[in-house]
């Protein structure tokens, strides 16, 4: 594993598609906790879900791949239908432990 994969970062991802009212935030929370990340998944008024995750870069990248791609074998299927994901990477801010749905 590359040393950069262990650098702590903050990933903010905005997920478009049919992602509200289908269990998507719960699914994101479960995947984030499995990866040892902390953060939130929040429904936005425009129908998107905002995912904020902090932790090692490699684990955040894995979560991003799960948001936008087909889950690998052994990972429960993603609810809803994702049509696009926009992302922003920044320095971690710290905060609450765990991962929460809002």
N, C-alpha and C. Protein backbone atom coordinates (compact mmCIF):
# COMPACT_ATOMS: atom_id res chain seq x y z
N UNK A 1 0.85 -1.18 0.00
CA UNK A 1 0.00 0.00 0.00
C UNK A 1 0.89 1.23 0.00
N UNK A 2 0.56 2.22 -0.78
CA UNK A 2 1.29 3.47 -0.88
C UNK A 2 1.13 4.27 0.41
N UNK A 3 2.21 4.94 0.84
CA UNK A 3 2.14 5.74 2.07
C UNK A 3 1.05 6.80 1.99
N UNK A 4 0.80 7.34 0.79
CA UNK A 4 -0.25 8.34 0.62
C UNK A 4 -1.63 7.80 0.90
N UNK A 5 -1.80 6.48 0.78
CA UNK A 5 -3.10 5.86 1.06
C UNK A 5 -3.45 5.95 2.54
N UNK A 6 -2.44 6.12 3.41
CA UNK A 6 -2.68 6.18 4.84
C UNK A 6 -2.83 7.60 5.36
N UNK A 7 -2.56 8.60 4.52
CA UNK A 7 -2.73 9.99 4.91
C UNK A 7 -4.21 10.25 5.19
N UNK A 8 -4.52 10.87 6.33
CA UNK A 8 -5.91 11.18 6.64
C UNK A 8 -6.40 12.35 5.80
N UNK A 9 -7.59 12.19 5.24
CA UNK A 9 -8.19 13.19 4.35
C UNK A 9 -9.67 13.32 4.66
N UNK A 10 -10.28 14.30 4.02
CA UNK A 10 -11.74 14.49 4.08
C UNK A 10 -12.26 14.40 2.66
N UNK A 11 -13.19 13.49 2.44
CA UNK A 11 -13.86 13.33 1.16
C UNK A 11 -15.27 13.88 1.30
N UNK A 12 -15.65 14.77 0.41
CA UNK A 12 -17.04 15.21 0.31
C UNK A 12 -17.52 14.79 -1.07
N UNK A 13 -18.59 14.00 -1.10
CA UNK A 13 -19.14 13.50 -2.36
C UNK A 13 -20.62 13.84 -2.42
N UNK A 14 -21.04 14.32 -3.59
CA UNK A 14 -22.45 14.62 -3.83
C UNK A 14 -22.96 13.60 -4.82
N UNK A 15 -23.93 12.79 -4.37
CA UNK A 15 -24.42 11.66 -5.16
C UNK A 15 -25.78 12.02 -5.76
N UNK A 16 -25.88 11.92 -7.10
CA UNK A 16 -27.12 12.21 -7.82
C UNK A 16 -27.80 10.91 -8.24
N UNK A 17 -29.11 11.00 -8.45
CA UNK A 17 -29.89 9.85 -8.91
C UNK A 17 -31.07 9.61 -7.99
N UNK A 18 -31.55 8.39 -7.99
CA UNK A 18 -32.65 8.00 -7.09
C UNK A 18 -32.00 7.48 -5.81
N UNK A 19 -31.64 8.43 -4.92
CA UNK A 19 -30.86 8.08 -3.74
C UNK A 19 -31.52 8.51 -2.43
N UNK A 20 -32.72 9.05 -2.50
CA UNK A 20 -33.45 9.40 -1.28
C UNK A 20 -34.69 8.52 -1.16
N UNK A 21 -34.98 8.10 0.08
CA UNK A 21 -36.15 7.28 0.34
C UNK A 21 -35.99 5.82 -0.06
N UNK A 22 -34.73 5.38 -0.27
CA UNK A 22 -34.49 4.00 -0.72
C UNK A 22 -33.49 3.26 0.17
N UNK A 23 -33.08 3.87 1.29
CA UNK A 23 -32.10 3.24 2.18
C UNK A 23 -30.66 3.51 1.80
N UNK A 24 -30.44 4.48 0.93
CA UNK A 24 -29.09 4.77 0.46
C UNK A 24 -28.18 5.27 1.58
N UNK A 25 -28.66 6.21 2.39
CA UNK A 25 -27.82 6.73 3.49
C UNK A 25 -27.46 5.63 4.47
N UNK A 26 -28.40 4.74 4.78
CA UNK A 26 -28.12 3.61 5.67
C UNK A 26 -27.02 2.74 5.07
N UNK A 27 -27.11 2.46 3.77
CA UNK A 27 -26.12 1.63 3.07
C UNK A 27 -24.74 2.31 3.12
N UNK A 28 -24.69 3.63 2.88
CA UNK A 28 -23.43 4.37 2.94
C UNK A 28 -22.84 4.28 4.34
N UNK A 29 -23.67 4.47 5.35
CA UNK A 29 -23.19 4.40 6.73
C UNK A 29 -22.58 3.04 7.03
N UNK A 30 -23.26 1.97 6.61
CA UNK A 30 -22.75 0.62 6.86
C UNK A 30 -21.39 0.41 6.19
N UNK A 31 -21.26 0.85 4.93
CA UNK A 31 -19.98 0.69 4.21
C UNK A 31 -18.88 1.53 4.87
N UNK A 32 -19.22 2.77 5.26
CA UNK A 32 -18.22 3.65 5.89
C UNK A 32 -17.74 3.06 7.22
N UNK A 33 -18.65 2.53 8.01
CA UNK A 33 -18.25 1.92 9.28
C UNK A 33 -17.39 0.69 9.05
N UNK A 34 -17.71 -0.11 8.04
CA UNK A 34 -16.87 -1.27 7.71
C UNK A 34 -15.45 -0.84 7.36
N UNK A 35 -15.32 0.33 6.75
CA UNK A 35 -14.01 0.85 6.34
C UNK A 35 -13.32 1.63 7.46
N UNK A 36 -14.00 1.81 8.59
CA UNK A 36 -13.40 2.53 9.71
C UNK A 36 -13.37 4.04 9.51
N UNK A 37 -14.31 4.56 8.73
CA UNK A 37 -14.37 5.99 8.46
C UNK A 37 -15.36 6.67 9.40
N UNK A 38 -15.21 7.97 9.56
CA UNK A 38 -16.19 8.74 10.33
C UNK A 38 -16.75 9.83 9.42
N UNK A 39 -18.00 10.25 9.72
CA UNK A 39 -18.59 11.29 8.90
C UNK A 39 -20.10 11.24 8.91
N UNK A 40 -20.70 11.71 7.79
CA UNK A 40 -22.15 11.82 7.69
C UNK A 40 -22.62 11.53 6.27
N UNK A 41 -23.88 11.15 6.17
CA UNK A 41 -24.60 11.06 4.89
C UNK A 41 -25.89 11.84 5.09
N UNK A 42 -26.09 12.87 4.26
CA UNK A 42 -27.18 13.82 4.47
C UNK A 42 -28.01 13.98 3.21
N UNK A 43 -29.35 13.89 3.34
CA UNK A 43 -30.24 14.21 2.22
C UNK A 43 -30.22 15.71 1.99
N UNK A 44 -30.09 16.12 0.73
CA UNK A 44 -30.14 17.53 0.36
C UNK A 44 -31.50 17.85 -0.27
N UNK A 45 -31.90 19.10 -0.19
CA UNK A 45 -33.21 19.52 -0.70
C UNK A 45 -33.36 19.28 -2.20
N UNK A 46 -32.26 19.26 -2.94
CA UNK A 46 -32.34 19.08 -4.40
C UNK A 46 -32.37 17.61 -4.83
N UNK A 47 -32.46 16.69 -3.86
CA UNK A 47 -32.57 15.27 -4.18
C UNK A 47 -31.27 14.51 -4.13
N UNK A 48 -30.15 15.20 -3.99
CA UNK A 48 -28.86 14.53 -3.87
C UNK A 48 -28.63 14.09 -2.43
N UNK A 49 -27.61 13.23 -2.24
CA UNK A 49 -27.12 12.89 -0.91
C UNK A 49 -25.68 13.38 -0.83
N UNK A 50 -25.38 14.11 0.24
CA UNK A 50 -24.02 14.55 0.49
C UNK A 50 -23.36 13.58 1.46
N UNK A 51 -22.23 13.03 1.06
CA UNK A 51 -21.46 12.11 1.90
C UNK A 51 -20.17 12.81 2.29
N UNK A 52 -19.93 12.93 3.59
CA UNK A 52 -18.67 13.48 4.09
C UNK A 52 -18.01 12.37 4.90
N UNK A 53 -16.80 12.00 4.51
CA UNK A 53 -16.09 10.91 5.19
C UNK A 53 -14.65 11.34 5.46
N UNK A 54 -14.16 10.99 6.65
CA UNK A 54 -12.77 11.26 7.00
C UNK A 54 -12.09 9.98 7.43
N UNK A 55 -10.82 9.87 7.04
CA UNK A 55 -10.02 8.72 7.40
C UNK A 55 -8.89 8.58 6.39
N UNK A 56 -8.22 7.43 6.38
CA UNK A 56 -7.13 7.22 5.44
C UNK A 56 -7.60 7.37 3.99
N UNK A 57 -6.76 8.00 3.17
CA UNK A 57 -7.10 8.28 1.77
C UNK A 57 -7.54 7.01 1.03
N UNK A 58 -6.84 5.91 1.21
CA UNK A 58 -7.18 4.68 0.51
C UNK A 58 -8.57 4.17 0.86
N UNK A 59 -8.94 4.29 2.13
CA UNK A 59 -10.28 3.85 2.55
C UNK A 59 -11.37 4.79 2.04
N UNK A 60 -11.07 6.09 2.02
CA UNK A 60 -12.03 7.05 1.45
C UNK A 60 -12.20 6.79 -0.05
N UNK A 61 -11.12 6.47 -0.73
CA UNK A 61 -11.18 6.15 -2.17
C UNK A 61 -12.05 4.90 -2.38
N UNK A 62 -11.91 3.90 -1.50
CA UNK A 62 -12.74 2.70 -1.60
C UNK A 62 -14.22 3.06 -1.45
N UNK A 63 -14.54 3.92 -0.48
CA UNK A 63 -15.94 4.34 -0.31
C UNK A 63 -16.43 5.07 -1.57
N UNK A 64 -15.62 5.95 -2.11
CA UNK A 64 -16.00 6.67 -3.33
C UNK A 64 -16.27 5.69 -4.47
N UNK A 65 -15.41 4.68 -4.62
CA UNK A 65 -15.62 3.66 -5.65
C UNK A 65 -16.94 2.91 -5.44
N UNK A 66 -17.28 2.64 -4.17
CA UNK A 66 -18.55 1.96 -3.88
C UNK A 66 -19.75 2.85 -4.20
N UNK A 67 -19.60 4.16 -4.00
CA UNK A 67 -20.70 5.08 -4.29
C UNK A 67 -21.02 5.12 -5.78
N UNK A 68 -19.99 5.01 -6.61
CA UNK A 68 -20.16 5.25 -8.04
C UNK A 68 -20.06 3.99 -8.90
N UNK A 69 -19.60 2.89 -8.34
CA UNK A 69 -19.43 1.68 -9.13
C UNK A 69 -20.28 0.54 -8.63
N UNK A 70 -20.09 -0.62 -9.22
CA UNK A 70 -20.79 -1.82 -8.77
C UNK A 70 -20.07 -2.39 -7.56
N UNK A 71 -20.79 -2.66 -6.47
CA UNK A 71 -20.15 -3.24 -5.30
C UNK A 71 -19.53 -4.60 -5.63
N UNK A 72 -18.35 -4.90 -5.07
CA UNK A 72 -17.73 -6.20 -5.31
C UNK A 72 -18.50 -7.32 -4.63
N UNK A 73 -18.16 -8.54 -4.98
CA UNK A 73 -18.79 -9.71 -4.37
C UNK A 73 -18.66 -9.62 -2.85
N UNK A 74 -19.72 -9.97 -2.15
CA UNK A 74 -19.70 -9.96 -0.70
C UNK A 74 -20.17 -8.65 -0.09
N UNK A 75 -20.33 -7.60 -0.91
CA UNK A 75 -20.83 -6.32 -0.42
C UNK A 75 -22.29 -6.19 -0.86
N UNK A 76 -23.20 -5.95 0.09
CA UNK A 76 -24.61 -5.83 -0.28
C UNK A 76 -24.81 -4.78 -1.37
N UNK A 77 -25.73 -5.07 -2.28
CA UNK A 77 -26.02 -4.16 -3.39
C UNK A 77 -26.45 -2.78 -2.92
N UNK A 78 -26.07 -1.79 -3.67
CA UNK A 78 -26.39 -0.41 -3.34
C UNK A 78 -27.85 -0.13 -3.69
N UNK A 79 -28.63 0.40 -2.74
CA UNK A 79 -30.04 0.71 -3.03
C UNK A 79 -30.16 1.94 -3.92
N UNK A 80 -31.26 2.03 -4.63
CA UNK A 80 -31.51 3.18 -5.50
C UNK A 80 -30.75 3.07 -6.80
N UNK A 81 -30.57 4.20 -7.45
CA UNK A 81 -29.82 4.25 -8.72
C UNK A 81 -29.00 5.52 -8.73
N UNK A 82 -27.68 5.35 -8.81
CA UNK A 82 -26.77 6.49 -8.85
C UNK A 82 -26.53 6.86 -10.31
N UNK A 83 -26.70 8.15 -10.62
CA UNK A 83 -26.45 8.62 -11.99
C UNK A 83 -25.19 9.47 -12.08
N UNK A 84 -24.61 9.84 -10.95
CA UNK A 84 -23.38 10.60 -10.98
C UNK A 84 -22.90 10.95 -9.59
N UNK A 85 -21.59 11.15 -9.47
CA UNK A 85 -20.99 11.54 -8.19
C UNK A 85 -19.95 12.63 -8.46
N UNK A 86 -20.07 13.73 -7.74
CA UNK A 86 -19.06 14.79 -7.76
C UNK A 86 -18.30 14.69 -6.45
N UNK A 87 -17.00 14.94 -6.48
CA UNK A 87 -16.19 14.77 -5.28
C UNK A 87 -15.29 15.97 -5.04
N UNK A 88 -14.93 16.15 -3.77
CA UNK A 88 -13.95 17.15 -3.38
C UNK A 88 -13.11 16.56 -2.25
N UNK A 89 -11.81 16.72 -2.35
CA UNK A 89 -10.88 16.23 -1.33
C UNK A 89 -10.30 17.43 -0.59
N UNK A 90 -10.16 17.30 0.73
CA UNK A 90 -9.61 18.39 1.53
C UNK A 90 -8.94 17.82 2.78
N UNK A 91 -8.42 18.72 3.59
CA UNK A 91 -7.80 18.34 4.86
C UNK A 91 -8.89 17.88 5.83
N UNK A 92 -8.60 16.88 6.67
CA UNK A 92 -9.59 16.45 7.65
C UNK A 92 -9.83 17.54 8.69
N UNK A 93 -11.05 17.59 9.20
CA UNK A 93 -11.41 18.58 10.22
C UNK A 93 -11.61 17.96 11.59
N UNK A 94 -11.66 16.63 11.64
CA UNK A 94 -11.95 15.97 12.91
C UNK A 94 -13.43 16.10 13.23
N UNK A 95 -13.77 15.80 14.45
CA UNK A 95 -15.18 15.92 14.83
C UNK A 95 -15.66 14.65 15.49
N UNK A 96 -16.95 14.43 15.41
CA UNK A 96 -17.57 13.28 16.07
C UNK A 96 -17.02 11.97 15.56
N UNK A 97 -16.96 11.01 16.46
CA UNK A 97 -16.60 9.65 16.08
C UNK A 97 -17.81 8.99 15.44
N UNK A 98 -17.59 7.96 14.67
CA UNK A 98 -18.69 7.22 14.07
C UNK A 98 -19.13 7.83 12.75
N UNK A 99 -20.20 7.29 12.21
CA UNK A 99 -20.74 7.76 10.95
C UNK A 99 -22.25 7.88 11.12
N UNK A 100 -22.80 9.02 10.76
CA UNK A 100 -24.20 9.31 11.07
C UNK A 100 -25.00 9.66 9.82
N UNK A 101 -26.27 9.28 9.84
CA UNK A 101 -27.23 9.68 8.80
C UNK A 101 -27.91 10.95 9.29
N UNK A 102 -28.07 11.89 8.38
CA UNK A 102 -28.78 13.13 8.74
C UNK A 102 -29.92 13.33 7.77
